[in-house]
Protein backbone atom coordinates (compact mmCIF):
# COMPACT_ATOMS: atom_id res chain seq x y z
CA UNK A 1 0.00 0.00 0.00
CA UNK A 2 1.52 3.39 -1.00
CA UNK A 3 2.52 5.61 1.93
CA UNK A 4 1.73 9.34 1.88
CA UNK A 5 2.94 12.03 4.31
CA UNK A 6 0.43 14.90 4.61
CA UNK A 7 2.11 18.08 5.87
CA UNK A 8 -0.12 21.03 6.72
CA UNK A 9 -0.49 23.23 9.79
CA UNK A 10 -4.29 23.42 9.36
CA UNK A 11 -5.84 20.47 11.24
CA UNK A 12 -9.06 20.56 9.20
CA UNK A 13 -7.15 20.30 5.91
CA UNK A 14 -4.95 17.49 7.28
CA UNK A 15 -8.04 15.59 8.35
CA UNK A 16 -9.98 15.97 5.09
CA UNK A 17 -7.00 15.17 2.86
CA UNK A 18 -6.06 12.18 5.02
CA UNK A 19 -9.60 10.78 5.07
CA UNK A 20 -9.91 11.03 1.29
CA UNK A 21 -6.51 9.46 0.68
CA UNK A 22 -7.31 6.59 3.05
CA UNK A 23 -10.66 6.06 1.29
CA UNK A 24 -8.69 5.81 -1.98
CA UNK A 25 -6.51 3.07 -0.47
CA UNK A 26 -3.43 4.97 0.68
CA UNK A 27 -1.63 4.66 4.01
CA UNK A 28 -1.17 8.12 5.52
CA UNK A 29 0.76 9.88 8.24
CA UNK A 30 0.43 13.54 9.13
CA UNK A 31 2.73 16.32 10.23
CA UNK A 32 1.58 19.73 11.48
CA UNK A 33 4.91 21.47 10.89
CA UNK A 34 7.90 21.26 8.61
CA UNK A 35 10.08 20.17 11.51
CA UNK A 36 7.78 17.24 12.31
CA UNK A 37 7.70 16.32 8.62
CA UNK A 38 11.49 16.10 8.46
CA UNK A 39 11.53 14.07 11.68
CA UNK A 40 9.04 11.60 10.19
CA UNK A 41 11.02 11.39 6.96
CA UNK A 42 14.16 10.60 8.97
CA UNK A 43 12.36 8.01 11.10
CA UNK A 44 10.98 6.26 8.02
CA UNK A 45 14.47 6.27 6.47
CA UNK A 46 15.89 4.48 9.51
CA UNK A 47 13.03 1.98 9.42
CA UNK A 48 13.54 1.51 5.66
CA UNK A 49 9.86 2.30 5.06
CA UNK A 50 10.11 5.47 3.00
CA UNK A 51 7.08 7.48 2.00
CA UNK A 52 6.08 7.24 -1.64
CA UNK A 53 4.85 10.82 -1.77
CA UNK A 54 4.61 13.99 0.33
CA UNK A 55 1.69 16.41 0.23
CA UNK A 56 3.21 19.66 1.38
CA UNK A 57 1.78 23.01 2.45
CA UNK A 58 4.09 25.99 1.95
CA UNK A 59 3.10 28.43 4.70
CA UNK A 60 3.80 26.74 8.04
CA UNK A 61 5.36 27.63 11.36
CA UNK A 62 9.02 26.82 12.08
CA UNK A 63 10.31 25.17 8.90
CA UNK A 64 8.25 26.24 5.87
CA UNK A 65 7.31 24.12 2.90
CA UNK A 66 10.09 25.52 0.69
CA UNK A 67 12.66 24.37 3.23
CA UNK A 68 11.06 20.92 3.47
CA UNK A 69 10.93 20.63 -0.32
CA UNK A 70 14.61 21.53 -0.56
CA UNK A 71 15.51 19.03 2.19
CA UNK A 72 13.59 16.25 0.43
CA UNK A 73 15.10 16.87 -2.98
CA UNK A 74 18.65 17.35 -1.68
CA UNK A 75 18.71 14.12 0.34
CA UNK A 76 19.87 11.09 -1.69
CA UNK A 77 17.47 8.84 0.24
CA UNK A 78 14.46 11.02 -0.53
CA UNK A 79 15.30 12.72 -3.83
CA UNK A 80 13.06 10.40 -5.89
CA UNK A 81 10.10 10.96 -3.58
CA UNK A 82 7.29 12.80 -5.34
CA UNK A 83 5.98 16.02 -3.79
CA UNK A 84 2.57 17.62 -4.30
CA UNK A 85 2.65 21.23 -3.09
CA UNK A 86 -0.66 22.61 -1.85
CA UNK A 87 -1.03 26.28 -1.08
CA UNK A 88 -3.62 29.02 -1.02
CA UNK A 89 -1.75 30.81 -3.76
CA UNK A 90 1.57 31.07 -5.49
CA UNK A 91 3.25 34.31 -4.49
CA UNK A 92 5.28 34.70 -7.69
CA UNK A 93 6.23 33.05 -10.95
CA UNK A 94 9.47 32.15 -9.18
CA UNK A 95 7.49 30.01 -6.73
CA UNK A 96 6.05 27.90 -9.54
CA UNK A 97 9.50 27.64 -11.12
CA UNK A 98 10.86 26.49 -7.76
CA UNK A 99 8.22 23.73 -7.53
CA UNK A 100 8.92 22.56 -11.09
CA UNK A 101 12.69 22.70 -10.50
CA UNK A 102 12.23 20.17 -7.70
CA UNK A 103 9.95 17.96 -9.84
CA UNK A 104 6.90 18.85 -7.76
CA UNK A 105 3.26 19.34 -8.64
CA UNK A 106 1.21 22.35 -7.49
CA UNK A 107 -2.44 22.23 -6.37
CA UNK A 108 -4.16 25.43 -5.31
CA UNK A 109 -6.18 25.27 -2.09
CA UNK A 110 -9.68 26.15 -3.21
CA UNK A 111 -13.13 24.63 -2.92
CA UNK A 112 -12.90 20.92 -3.79
CA UNK A 113 -9.09 20.84 -3.99
CA UNK A 114 -8.88 17.63 -1.97
CA UNK A 115 -10.48 15.67 -4.81
CA UNK A 116 -7.83 17.11 -7.13
CA UNK A 117 -5.13 16.01 -4.68
CA UNK A 118 -6.44 12.44 -4.59
CA UNK A 119 -6.65 12.28 -8.41
CA UNK A 120 -3.13 13.65 -8.83
CA UNK A 121 -1.67 11.37 -6.15
CA UNK A 122 -3.35 8.33 -7.73
CA UNK A 123 -1.98 9.26 -11.14
CA UNK A 124 1.54 9.80 -9.79
CA UNK A 125 1.55 6.55 -7.80
CA UNK A 126 0.20 4.56 -10.76
CA UNK A 127 2.80 5.89 -13.20
């Protein structure tokens, strides 16, 4: 069963995304901050049970999503892990370039975005 790490500081978003991913047949873990996300990534690396994909919010306390994305893509153990970035909005064209540079996918947080996330995750995992 594919393993997904859902990283978002909004508990309601974490819950809805997690419930929909689990209903689609994915194993999920959650992290409320970037720091917790990195800790979970490290723990899974030690256990040799890496995540298949990370769903990552950008605006978070402590370590933001950009820093997590960079950490994932610059670690040889995690660099092939797919990342779906979810955010209320992209601040600049440079933000989108940054996501693409790290082989990520962007989904805008808007009404019904969780269905988009599940579709995109399913497509990525199946490819």
